[in-house]
Amino acid sequence: MQKGLNLLFICSGNRDRSPTSQTAFKNAAYNIRTAGTSKDAVHRITIEDVNWANIIFVMEEKHKNRILTEFNRPLQFKSIHVLDIPNEYKKDDSQLIQLLQEKVSAYLEG
């Protein structure tokens, strides 16, 4: 079943912050994928992820820099937003869920 926009969330290890976006938006009309930038990420970002996404959300500026270095050409026409969420939360932390919902909604509705 195809829902709305394809949103890709990226952090370093794809263990805590980006996977929490699936919890934060489980009832929303979005398709969610998550990935990490580090070599040992649970799911390391691929060109398929980049091509699939309508909008890309990264947790920190360093994630944006990393994906722009690795996927510069495919990212030329993609919308990339830095959420400025530090790596201090565990997966599905209630504060992290609220932060994700607030920051992402500001981009999507603003």
PDB file of N, CA and C in Angstrom:
ATOM      1  N   MET A   1       0.838  -1.178   0.000  1.00  0.00           N
ATOM      2  CA  MET A   1       0.000   0.000   0.000  1.00  0.00           C
ATOM      3  C   MET A   1       0.885   1.245   0.000  1.00  0.00           C
ATOM      4  N   GLN A   2       0.750   2.070  -0.986  1.00  0.00           N
ATOM      5  CA  GLN A   2       1.535   3.292  -1.105  1.00  0.00           C
ATOM      6  C   GLN A   2       0.847   4.415  -0.344  1.00  0.00           C
ATOM      7  N   LYS A   3       1.555   5.015   0.560  1.00  0.00           N
ATOM      8  CA  LYS A   3       1.022   6.160   1.290  1.00  0.00           C
ATOM      9  C   LYS A   3       1.560   7.426   0.651  1.00  0.00           C
ATOM     10  N   GLY A   4       1.877   8.416   1.447  1.00  0.00           N
ATOM     11  CA  GLY A   4       2.311   9.713   0.939  1.00  0.00           C
ATOM     12  C   GLY A   4       3.778   9.796   0.604  1.00  0.00           C
ATOM     13  N   LEU A   5       4.407  10.828   1.117  1.00  0.00           N
ATOM     14  CA  LEU A   5       5.815  11.094   0.844  1.00  0.00           C
ATOM     15  C   LEU A   5       6.729  10.000   1.380  1.00  0.00           C
ATOM     16  N   ASN A   6       7.850   9.807   0.689  1.00  0.00           N
ATOM     17  CA  ASN A   6       8.890   8.886   1.146  1.00  0.00           C
ATOM     18  C   ASN A   6       9.917   9.683   1.939  1.00  0.00           C
ATOM     19  N   LEU A   7       9.987   9.432   3.240  1.00  0.00           N
ATOM     20  CA  LEU A   7      10.899  10.150   4.126  1.00  0.00           C
ATOM     21  C   LEU A   7      12.029   9.230   4.557  1.00  0.00           C
ATOM     22  N   LEU A   8      13.259   9.676   4.354  1.00  0.00           N
ATOM     23  CA  LEU A   8      14.442   8.920   4.757  1.00  0.00           C
ATOM     24  C   LEU A   8      15.097   9.637   5.932  1.00  0.00           C
ATOM     25  N   PHE A   9      15.293   8.906   7.030  1.00  0.00           N
ATOM     26  CA  PHE A   9      15.925   9.444   8.233  1.00  0.00           C
ATOM     27  C   PHE A   9      17.299   8.814   8.390  1.00  0.00           C
ATOM     28  N   ILE A  10      18.298   9.669   8.634  1.00  0.00           N
ATOM     29  CA  ILE A  10      19.681   9.200   8.689  1.00  0.00           C
ATOM     30  C   ILE A  10      20.362   9.666   9.971  1.00  0.00           C
ATOM     31  N   CYS A  11      21.040   8.718  10.622  1.00  0.00           N
ATOM     32  CA  CYS A  11      21.913   9.036  11.747  1.00  0.00           C
ATOM     33  C   CYS A  11      23.237   8.312  11.498  1.00  0.00           C
ATOM     34  N   SER A  12      24.007   8.062  12.530  1.00  0.00           N
ATOM     35  CA  SER A  12      25.302   7.401  12.331  1.00  0.00           C
ATOM     36  C   SER A  12      25.159   5.888  12.223  1.00  0.00           C
ATOM     37  N   GLY A  13      24.657   5.259  13.281  1.00  0.00           N
ATOM     38  CA  GLY A  13      24.633   3.800  13.340  1.00  0.00           C
ATOM     39  C   GLY A  13      23.324   3.146  12.977  1.00  0.00           C
ATOM     40  N   ASN A  14      22.286   3.938  12.750  1.00  0.00           N
ATOM     41  CA  ASN A  14      20.955   3.403  12.453  1.00  0.00           C
ATOM     42  C   ASN A  14      20.480   2.473  13.566  1.00  0.00           C
ATOM     43  N   ARG A  15      20.784   2.889  14.816  1.00  0.00           N
ATOM     44  CA  ARG A  15      20.399   2.073  15.968  1.00  0.00           C
ATOM     45  C   ARG A  15      19.360   2.755  16.863  1.00  0.00           C
ATOM     46  N   ASP A  16      19.466   4.062  17.024  1.00  0.00           N
ATOM     47  CA  ASP A  16      18.600   4.755  17.975  1.00  0.00           C
ATOM     48  C   ASP A  16      17.784   5.883  17.344  1.00  0.00           C
ATOM     49  N   ARG A  17      18.445   6.919  16.885  1.00  0.00           N
ATOM     50  CA  ARG A  17      17.712   8.106  16.429  1.00  0.00           C
ATOM     51  C   ARG A  17      16.888   7.858  15.176  1.00  0.00           C
ATOM     52  N   SER A  18      17.515   7.425  14.104  1.00  0.00           N
ATOM     53  CA  SER A  18      16.727   7.260  12.870  1.00  0.00           C
ATOM     54  C   SER A  18      15.666   6.165  12.987  1.00  0.00           C
ATOM     55  N   PRO A  19      15.943   5.004  13.614  1.00  0.00           N
ATOM     56  CA  PRO A  19      14.866   4.016  13.754  1.00  0.00           C
ATOM     57  C   PRO A  19      13.677   4.520  14.580  1.00  0.00           C
ATOM     58  N   THR A  20      13.925   5.451  15.488  1.00  0.00           N
ATOM     59  CA  THR A  20      12.832   6.001  16.293  1.00  0.00           C
ATOM     60  C   THR A  20      11.839   6.766  15.429  1.00  0.00           C
ATOM     61  N   SER A  21      12.267   7.243  14.281  1.00  0.00           N
ATOM     62  CA  SER A  21      11.338   7.943  13.383  1.00  0.00           C
ATOM     63  C   SER A  21      10.207   7.022  12.924  1.00  0.00           C
ATOM     64  N   GLN A  22      10.482   5.728  12.842  1.00  0.00           N
ATOM     65  CA  GLN A  22       9.419   4.788  12.468  1.00  0.00           C
ATOM     66  C   GLN A  22       8.343   4.739  13.547  1.00  0.00           C
ATOM     67  N   THR A  23       8.747   4.839  14.800  1.00  0.00           N
ATOM     68  CA  THR A  23       7.789   4.897  15.904  1.00  0.00           C
ATOM     69  C   THR A  23       7.069   6.244  15.906  1.00  0.00           C
ATOM     70  N   ALA A  24       7.824   7.313  15.716  1.00  0.00           N
ATOM     71  CA  ALA A  24       7.264   8.669  15.784  1.00  0.00           C
ATOM     72  C   ALA A  24       6.201   8.913  14.716  1.00  0.00           C
ATOM     73  N   PHE A  25       6.341   8.261  13.558  1.00  0.00           N
ATOM     74  CA  PHE A  25       5.424   8.520  12.444  1.00  0.00           C
ATOM     75  C   PHE A  25       4.672   7.275  11.984  1.00  0.00           C
ATOM     76  N   LYS A  26       4.504   6.316  12.879  1.00  0.00           N
ATOM     77  CA  LYS A  26       3.860   5.057  12.489  1.00  0.00           C
ATOM     78  C   LYS A  26       2.412   5.244  12.058  1.00  0.00           C
ATOM     79  N   ASN A  27       1.746   6.255  12.547  1.00  0.00           N
ATOM     80  CA  ASN A  27       0.345   6.481  12.176  1.00  0.00           C
ATOM     81  C   ASN A  27       0.176   7.594  11.149  1.00  0.00           C
ATOM     82  N   ALA A  28       1.273   8.130  10.664  1.00  0.00           N
ATOM     83  CA  ALA A  28       1.212   9.226   9.690  1.00  0.00           C
ATOM     84  C   ALA A  28       1.160   8.664   8.274  1.00  0.00           C
ATOM     85  N   ALA A  29       0.781   9.510   7.363  1.00  0.00           N
ATOM     86  CA  ALA A  29       0.637   9.093   5.959  1.00  0.00           C
ATOM     87  C   ALA A  29       1.956   9.236   5.206  1.00  0.00           C
ATOM     88  N   TYR A  30       3.026   8.694   5.791  1.00  0.00           N
ATOM     89  CA  TYR A  30       4.341   8.750   5.163  1.00  0.00           C
ATOM     90  C   TYR A  30       4.922   7.349   5.080  1.00  0.00           C
ATOM     91  N   ASN A  31       5.767   7.149   4.086  1.00  0.00           N
ATOM     92  CA  ASN A  31       6.578   5.942   4.006  1.00  0.00           C
ATOM     93  C   ASN A  31       7.917   6.296   4.641  1.00  0.00           C
ATOM     94  N   ILE A  32       8.384   5.483   5.560  1.00  0.00           N
ATOM     95  CA  ILE A  32       9.599   5.785   6.311  1.00  0.00           C
ATOM     96  C   ILE A  32      10.660   4.722   6.047  1.00  0.00           C
ATOM     97  N   ARG A  33      11.875   5.197   5.795  1.00  0.00           N
ATOM     98  CA  ARG A  33      13.058   4.335   5.772  1.00  0.00           C
ATOM     99  C   ARG A  33      14.105   4.985   6.653  1.00  0.00           C
ATOM    100  N   THR A  34      14.990   4.155   7.190  1.00  0.00           N
ATOM    101  CA  THR A  34      16.065   4.671   8.024  1.00  0.00           C
ATOM    102  C   THR A  34      17.395   4.084   7.571  1.00  0.00           C
ATOM    103  N   ALA A  35      18.452   4.828   7.842  1.00  0.00           N
ATOM    104  CA  ALA A  35      19.788   4.371   7.463  1.00  0.00           C
ATOM    105  C   ALA A  35      20.822   5.072   8.328  1.00  0.00           C
ATOM    106  N   GLY A  36      22.031   4.537   8.277  1.00  0.00           N
ATOM    107  CA  GLY A  36      23.152   5.135   8.981  1.00  0.00           C
ATOM    108  C   GLY A  36      24.282   5.445   8.026  1.00  0.00           C
ATOM    109  N   THR A  37      25.175   6.319   8.469  1.00  0.00           N
ATOM    110  CA  THR A  37      26.306   6.698   7.619  1.00  0.00           C
ATOM    111  C   THR A  37      27.580   5.929   7.946  1.00  0.00           C
ATOM    112  N   SER A  38      27.663   5.340   9.127  1.00  0.00           N
ATOM    113  CA  SER A  38      28.905   4.660   9.503  1.00  0.00           C
ATOM    114  C   SER A  38      29.007   3.287   8.839  1.00  0.00           C
ATOM    115  N   LYS A  39      30.237   2.829   8.720  1.00  0.00           N
ATOM    116  CA  LYS A  39      30.491   1.543   8.057  1.00  0.00           C
ATOM    117  C   LYS A  39      29.839   0.378   8.794  1.00  0.00           C
ATOM    118  N   ASP A  40      29.662   0.506  10.115  1.00  0.00           N
ATOM    119  CA  ASP A  40      29.061  -0.577  10.895  1.00  0.00           C
ATOM    120  C   ASP A  40      27.586  -0.314  11.233  1.00  0.00           C
ATOM    121  N   ALA A  41      26.940   0.540  10.473  1.00  0.00           N
ATOM    122  CA  ALA A  41      25.518   0.840  10.698  1.00  0.00           C
ATOM    123  C   ALA A  41      24.676  -0.418  10.498  1.00  0.00           C
ATOM    124  N   VAL A  42      23.580  -0.508  11.223  1.00  0.00           N
ATOM    125  CA  VAL A  42      22.655  -1.628  11.062  1.00  0.00           C
ATOM    126  C   VAL A  42      22.224  -1.720   9.601  1.00  0.00           C
ATOM    127  N   HIS A  43      21.823  -0.596   9.033  1.00  0.00           N
ATOM    128  CA  HIS A  43      21.561  -0.500   7.586  1.00  0.00           C
ATOM    129  C   HIS A  43      22.294   0.738   7.104  1.00  0.00           C
ATOM    130  N   ARG A  44      23.333   0.535   6.325  1.00  0.00           N
ATOM    131  CA  ARG A  44      24.112   1.654   5.789  1.00  0.00           C
ATOM    132  C   ARG A  44      23.380   2.236   4.581  1.00  0.00           C
ATOM    133  N   ILE A  45      23.351   3.548   4.483  1.00  0.00           N
ATOM    134  CA  ILE A  45      22.641   4.215   3.398  1.00  0.00           C
ATOM    135  C   ILE A  45      23.159   3.737   2.038  1.00  0.00           C
ATOM    136  N   THR A  46      22.228   3.544   1.115  1.00  0.00           N
ATOM    137  CA  THR A  46      22.553   3.080  -0.236  1.00  0.00           C
ATOM    138  C   THR A  46      21.991   4.060  -1.263  1.00  0.00           C
ATOM    139  N   ILE A  47      22.420   3.910  -2.479  1.00  0.00           N
ATOM    140  CA  ILE A  47      21.889   4.724  -3.573  1.00  0.00           C
ATOM    141  C   ILE A  47      20.396   4.465  -3.754  1.00  0.00           C
ATOM    142  N   GLU A  48      19.969   3.241  -3.475  1.00  0.00           N
ATOM    143  CA  GLU A  48      18.540   2.915  -3.570  1.00  0.00           C
ATOM    144  C   GLU A  48      17.732   3.726  -2.561  1.00  0.00           C
ATOM    145  N   ASP A  49      18.262   3.886  -1.352  1.00  0.00           N
ATOM    146  CA  ASP A  49      17.586   4.710  -0.337  1.00  0.00           C
ATOM    147  C   ASP A  49      17.465   6.154  -0.817  1.00  0.00           C
ATOM    148  N   VAL A  50      18.555   6.676  -1.347  1.00  0.00           N
ATOM    149  CA  VAL A  50      18.573   8.063  -1.832  1.00  0.00           C
ATOM    150  C   VAL A  50      17.561   8.245  -2.961  1.00  0.00           C
ATOM    151  N   ASN A  51      17.571   7.341  -3.913  1.00  0.00           N
ATOM    152  CA  ASN A  51      16.642   7.444  -5.046  1.00  0.00           C
ATOM    153  C   ASN A  51      15.188   7.317  -4.608  1.00  0.00           C
ATOM    154  N   TRP A  52      14.920   6.506  -3.603  1.00  0.00           N
ATOM    155  CA  TRP A  52      13.561   6.266  -3.099  1.00  0.00           C
ATOM    156  C   TRP A  52      12.982   7.500  -2.408  1.00  0.00           C
ATOM    157  N   ALA A  53      13.832   8.248  -1.704  1.00  0.00           N
ATOM    158  CA  ALA A  53      13.370   9.330  -0.827  1.00  0.00           C
ATOM    159  C   ALA A  53      12.900  10.565  -1.582  1.00  0.00           C
ATOM    160  N   ASN A  54      11.786  11.139  -1.100  1.00  0.00           N
ATOM    161  CA  ASN A  54      11.363  12.471  -1.537  1.00  0.00           C
ATOM    162  C   ASN A  54      12.054  13.536  -0.692  1.00  0.00           C
ATOM    163  N   ILE A  55      12.147  13.263   0.607  1.00  0.00           N
ATOM    164  CA  ILE A  55      12.756  14.195   1.555  1.00  0.00           C
ATOM    165  C   ILE A  55      13.688  13.396   2.460  1.00  0.00           C
ATOM    166  N   ILE A  56      14.853  13.972   2.738  1.00  0.00           N
ATOM    167  CA  ILE A  56      15.832  13.320   3.600  1.00  0.00           C
ATOM    168  C   ILE A  56      16.037  14.176   4.848  1.00  0.00           C
ATOM    169  N   PHE A  57      15.943  13.523   6.005  1.00  0.00           N
ATOM    170  CA  PHE A  57      16.196  14.173   7.283  1.00  0.00           C
ATOM    171  C   PHE A  57      17.434  13.542   7.900  1.00  0.00           C
ATOM    172  N   VAL A  58      18.419  14.376   8.229  1.00  0.00           N
ATOM    173  CA  VAL A  58      19.619  13.893   8.904  1.00  0.00           C
ATOM    174  C   VAL A  58      19.634  14.454  10.320  1.00  0.00           C
ATOM    175  N   MET A  59      20.203  13.701  11.237  1.00  0.00           N
ATOM    176  CA  MET A  59      20.196  14.124  12.631  1.00  0.00           C
ATOM    177  C   MET A  59      21.196  15.245  12.907  1.00  0.00           C
ATOM    178  N   GLU A  60      22.352  15.210  12.209  1.00  0.00           N
ATOM    179  CA  GLU A  60      23.393  16.206  12.444  1.00  0.00           C
ATOM    180  C   GLU A  60      23.998  16.651  11.115  1.00  0.00           C
ATOM    181  N   GLU A  61      24.644  17.806  11.151  1.00  0.00           N
ATOM    182  CA  GLU A  61      25.294  18.358   9.959  1.00  0.00           C
ATOM    183  C   GLU A  61      26.314  17.379   9.377  1.00  0.00           C
ATOM    184  N   LYS A  62      27.017  16.642  10.250  1.00  0.00           N
ATOM    185  CA  LYS A  62      28.032  15.699   9.764  1.00  0.00           C
ATOM    186  C   LYS A  62      27.411  14.609   8.888  1.00  0.00           C
ATOM    187  N   HIS A  63      26.167  14.242   9.157  1.00  0.00           N
ATOM    188  CA  HIS A  63      25.494  13.232   8.328  1.00  0.00           C
ATOM    189  C   HIS A  63      25.195  13.798   6.939  1.00  0.00           C
ATOM    190  N   LYS A  64      24.791  15.048   6.899  1.00  0.00           N
ATOM    191  CA  LYS A  64      24.542  15.700   5.607  1.00  0.00           C
ATOM    192  C   LYS A  64      25.835  15.759   4.794  1.00  0.00           C
ATOM    193  N   ASN A  65      26.914  16.173   5.444  1.00  0.00           N
ATOM    194  CA  ASN A  65      28.200  16.257   4.754  1.00  0.00           C
ATOM    195  C   ASN A  65      28.634  14.900   4.224  1.00  0.00           C
ATOM    196  N   ARG A  66      28.441  13.861   5.010  1.00  0.00           N
ATOM    197  CA  ARG A  66      28.848  12.515   4.608  1.00  0.00           C
ATOM    198  C   ARG A  66      28.060  12.052   3.391  1.00  0.00           C
ATOM    199  N   ILE A  67      26.734  12.233   3.408  1.00  0.00           N
ATOM    200  CA  ILE A  67      25.951  11.739   2.264  1.00  0.00           C
ATOM    201  C   ILE A  67      26.172  12.591   1.022  1.00  0.00           C
ATOM    202  N   LEU A  68      26.431  13.896   1.214  1.00  0.00           N
ATOM    203  CA  LEU A  68      26.728  14.743   0.052  1.00  0.00           C
ATOM    204  C   LEU A  68      28.052  14.347  -0.598  1.00  0.00           C
ATOM    205  N   THR A  69      29.000  13.922   0.210  1.00  0.00           N
ATOM    206  CA  THR A  69      30.279  13.448  -0.326  1.00  0.00           C
ATOM    207  C   THR A  69      30.094  12.146  -1.091  1.00  0.00           C
ATOM    208  N   GLU A  70      29.305  11.253  -0.527  1.00  0.00           N
ATOM    209  CA  GLU A  70      29.141   9.921  -1.120  1.00  0.00           C
ATOM    210  C   GLU A  70      28.142   9.880  -2.275  1.00  0.00           C
ATOM    211  N   PHE A  71      27.094  10.687  -2.196  1.00  0.00           N
ATOM    212  CA  PHE A  71      26.010  10.626  -3.188  1.00  0.00           C
ATOM    213  C   PHE A  71      25.721  12.000  -3.789  1.00  0.00           C
ATOM    214  N   ASN A  72      26.741  12.762  -4.076  1.00  0.00           N
ATOM    215  CA  ASN A  72      26.562  14.144  -4.502  1.00  0.00           C
ATOM    216  C   ASN A  72      25.596  14.295  -5.668  1.00  0.00           C
ATOM    217  N   ARG A  73      25.833  13.612  -6.745  1.00  0.00           N
ATOM    218  CA  ARG A  73      25.006  13.784  -7.946  1.00  0.00           C
ATOM    219  C   ARG A  73      23.540  13.386  -7.719  1.00  0.00           C
ATOM    220  N   PRO A  74      23.259  12.218  -7.156  1.00  0.00           N
ATOM    221  CA  PRO A  74      21.851  11.849  -6.932  1.00  0.00           C
ATOM    222  C   PRO A  74      21.123  12.773  -5.952  1.00  0.00           C
ATOM    223  N   LEU A  75      21.876  13.473  -5.117  1.00  0.00           N
ATOM    224  CA  LEU A  75      21.258  14.348  -4.115  1.00  0.00           C
ATOM    225  C   LEU A  75      21.011  15.763  -4.619  1.00  0.00           C
ATOM    226  N   GLN A  76      21.416  16.067  -5.831  1.00  0.00           N
ATOM    227  CA  GLN A  76      21.297  17.434  -6.348  1.00  0.00           C
ATOM    228  C   GLN A  76      19.877  17.987  -6.279  1.00  0.00           C
ATOM    229  N   PHE A  77      18.891  17.149  -6.495  1.00  0.00           N
ATOM    230  CA  PHE A  77      17.505  17.626  -6.527  1.00  0.00           C
ATOM    231  C   PHE A  77      16.682  17.103  -5.351  1.00  0.00           C
ATOM    232  N   LYS A  78      17.360  16.688  -4.295  1.00  0.00           N
ATOM    233  CA  LYS A  78      16.680  16.186  -3.105  1.00  0.00           C
ATOM    234  C   LYS A  78      16.636  17.271  -2.035  1.00  0.00           C
ATOM    235  N   SER A  79      15.589  17.230  -1.253  1.00  0.00           N
ATOM    236  CA  SER A  79      15.443  18.128  -0.120  1.00  0.00           C
ATOM    237  C   SER A  79      16.070  17.450   1.100  1.00  0.00           C
ATOM    238  N   ILE A  80      17.099  18.078   1.676  1.00  0.00           N
ATOM    239  CA  ILE A  80      17.796  17.524   2.839  1.00  0.00           C
ATOM    240  C   ILE A  80      17.681  18.517   3.988  1.00  0.00           C
ATOM    241  N   HIS A  81      17.224  18.032   5.134  1.00  0.00           N
ATOM    242  CA  HIS A  81      17.046  18.891   6.304  1.00  0.00           C
ATOM    243  C   HIS A  81      17.838  18.341   7.485  1.00  0.00           C
ATOM    244  N   VAL A  82      18.565  19.213   8.151  1.00  0.00           N
ATOM    245  CA  VAL A  82      19.325  18.854   9.348  1.00  0.00           C
ATOM    246  C   VAL A  82      18.440  19.116  10.560  1.00  0.00           C
ATOM    247  N   LEU A  83      18.184  18.079  11.351  1.00  0.00           N
ATOM    248  CA  LEU A  83      17.292  18.203  12.504  1.00  0.00           C
ATOM    249  C   LEU A  83      18.009  18.672  13.774  1.00  0.00           C
ATOM    250  N   ASP A  84      19.330  18.627  13.790  1.00  0.00           N
ATOM    251  CA  ASP A  84      20.111  19.018  14.976  1.00  0.00           C
ATOM    252  C   ASP A  84      19.680  18.257  16.223  1.00  0.00           C
ATOM    253  N   ILE A  85      19.638  16.942  16.101  1.00  0.00           N
ATOM    254  CA  ILE A  85      19.308  16.082  17.239  1.00  0.00           C
ATOM    255  C   ILE A  85      20.575  15.319  17.621  1.00  0.00           C
ATOM    256  N   PRO A  86      21.150  15.628  18.795  1.00  0.00           N
ATOM    257  CA  PRO A  86      22.409  14.989  19.201  1.00  0.00           C
ATOM    258  C   PRO A  86      22.227  13.506  19.532  1.00  0.00           C
ATOM    259  N   ASN A  87      23.341  12.806  19.531  1.00  0.00           N
ATOM    260  CA  ASN A  87      23.332  11.366  19.787  1.00  0.00           C
ATOM    261  C   ASN A  87      23.334  11.100  21.293  1.00  0.00           C
ATOM    262  N   GLU A  88      22.252  11.474  21.950  1.00  0.00           N
ATOM    263  CA  GLU A  88      22.156  11.283  23.398  1.00  0.00           C
ATOM    264  C   GLU A  88      20.852  10.595  23.799  1.00  0.00           C
ATOM    265  N   TYR A  89      20.168  10.022  22.841  1.00  0.00           N
ATOM    266  CA  TYR A  89      18.893   9.364  23.108  1.00  0.00           C
ATOM    267  C   TYR A  89      18.979   7.886  22.751  1.00  0.00           C
ATOM    268  N   LYS A  90      18.212   7.081  23.444  1.00  0.00           N
ATOM    269  CA  LYS A  90      18.078   5.662  23.121  1.00  0.00           C
ATOM    270  C   LYS A  90      16.868   5.481  22.210  1.00  0.00           C
ATOM    271  N   LYS A  91      16.828   4.356  21.540  1.00  0.00           N
ATOM    272  CA  LYS A  91      15.735   4.062  20.615  1.00  0.00           C
ATOM    273  C   LYS A  91      14.386   4.159  21.331  1.00  0.00           C
ATOM    274  N   ASP A  92      13.457   4.829  20.676  1.00  0.00           N
ATOM    275  CA  ASP A  92      12.078   4.998  21.135  1.00  0.00           C
ATOM    276  C   ASP A  92      11.936   5.789  22.438  1.00  0.00           C
ATOM    277  N   ASP A  93      12.947   6.546  22.805  1.00  0.00           N
ATOM    278  CA  ASP A  93      12.873   7.448  23.952  1.00  0.00           C
ATOM    279  C   ASP A  93      11.736   8.440  23.706  1.00  0.00           C
ATOM    280  N   SER A  94      10.897   8.669  24.701  1.00  0.00           N
ATOM    281  CA  SER A  94       9.721   9.530  24.515  1.00  0.00           C
ATOM    282  C   SER A  94      10.112  10.966  24.151  1.00  0.00           C
ATOM    283  N   GLN A  95      11.209  11.475  24.716  1.00  0.00           N
ATOM    284  CA  GLN A  95      11.665  12.823  24.364  1.00  0.00           C
ATOM    285  C   GLN A  95      12.133  12.880  22.915  1.00  0.00           C
ATOM    286  N   LEU A  96      12.785  11.820  22.464  1.00  0.00           N
ATOM    287  CA  LEU A  96      13.247  11.763  21.077  1.00  0.00           C
ATOM    288  C   LEU A  96      12.062  11.708  20.120  1.00  0.00           C
ATOM    289  N   ILE A  97      11.053  10.939  20.455  1.00  0.00           N
ATOM    290  CA  ILE A  97       9.847  10.856  19.620  1.00  0.00           C
ATOM    291  C   ILE A  97       9.211  12.235  19.488  1.00  0.00           C
ATOM    292  N   GLN A  98       9.064  12.932  20.609  1.00  0.00           N
ATOM    293  CA  GLN A  98       8.460  14.267  20.593  1.00  0.00           C
ATOM    294  C   GLN A  98       9.305  15.245  19.778  1.00  0.00           C
ATOM    295  N   LEU A  99      10.611  15.193  19.953  1.00  0.00           N
ATOM    296  CA  LEU A  99      11.525  16.065  19.215  1.00  0.00           C
ATOM    297  C   LEU A  99      11.431  15.817  17.713  1.00  0.00           C
ATOM    298  N   LEU A 100      11.426  14.564  17.318  1.00  0.00           N
ATOM    299  CA  LEU A 100      11.297  14.216  15.898  1.00  0.00           C
ATOM    300  C   LEU A 100       9.979  14.738  15.333  1.00  0.00           C
ATOM    301  N   GLN A 101       8.891  14.506  16.055  1.00  0.00           N
ATOM    302  CA  GLN A 101       7.582  14.948  15.577  1.00  0.00           C
ATOM    303  C   GLN A 101       7.534  16.462  15.416  1.00  0.00           C
ATOM    304  N   GLU A 102       8.062  17.188  16.380  1.00  0.00           N
ATOM    305  CA  GLU A 102       8.049  18.655  16.316  1.00  0.00           C
ATOM    306  C   GLU A 102       8.902  19.180  15.166  1.00  0.00           C
ATOM    307  N   LYS A 103      10.125  18.685  15.071  1.00  0.00           N
ATOM    308  CA  LYS A 103      11.051  19.214  14.062  1.00  0.00           C
ATOM    309  C   LYS A 103      10.640  18.831  12.648  1.00  0.00           C
ATOM    310  N   VAL A 104      10.220  17.605  12.452  1.00  0.00           N
ATOM    311  CA  VAL A 104       9.825  17.161  11.111  1.00  0.00           C
ATOM    312  C   VAL A 104       8.534  17.852  10.691  1.00  0.00           C
ATOM    313  N   SER A 105       7.591  17.976  11.600  1.00  0.00           N
ATOM    314  CA  SER A 105       6.331  18.662  11.284  1.00  0.00           C
ATOM    315  C   SER A 105       6.582  20.105  10.870  1.00  0.00           C
ATOM    316  N   ALA A 106       7.550  20.755  11.497  1.00  0.00           N
ATOM    317  CA  ALA A 106       7.880  22.139  11.136  1.00  0.00           C
ATOM    318  C   ALA A 106       8.311  22.232   9.674  1.00  0.00           C
ATOM    319  N   TYR A 107       9.046  21.246   9.188  1.00  0.00           N
ATOM    320  CA  TYR A 107       9.469  21.238   7.779  1.00  0.00           C
ATOM    321  C   TYR A 107       8.326  20.864   6.849  1.00  0.00           C
ATOM    322  N   LEU A 108       7.554  19.871   7.234  1.00  0.00           N
ATOM    323  CA  LEU A 108       6.515  19.355   6.342  1.00  0.00           C
ATOM    324  C   LEU A 108       5.291  20.256   6.272  1.00  0.00           C
ATOM    325  N   GLU A 109       4.992  20.949   7.364  1.00  0.00           N
ATOM    326  CA  GLU A 109       3.792  21.779   7.404  1.00  0.00           C
ATOM    327  C   GLU A 109       4.112  23.263   7.232  1.00  0.00           C
ATOM    328  N   GLY A 110       5.397  23.598   7.363  1.00  0.00           N
ATOM    329  CA  GLY A 110       5.794  25.005   7.334  1.00  0.00           C
ATOM    330  C   GLY A 110       6.090  25.502   5.991  1.00  0.00           C
TER     331      GLY A 110
END
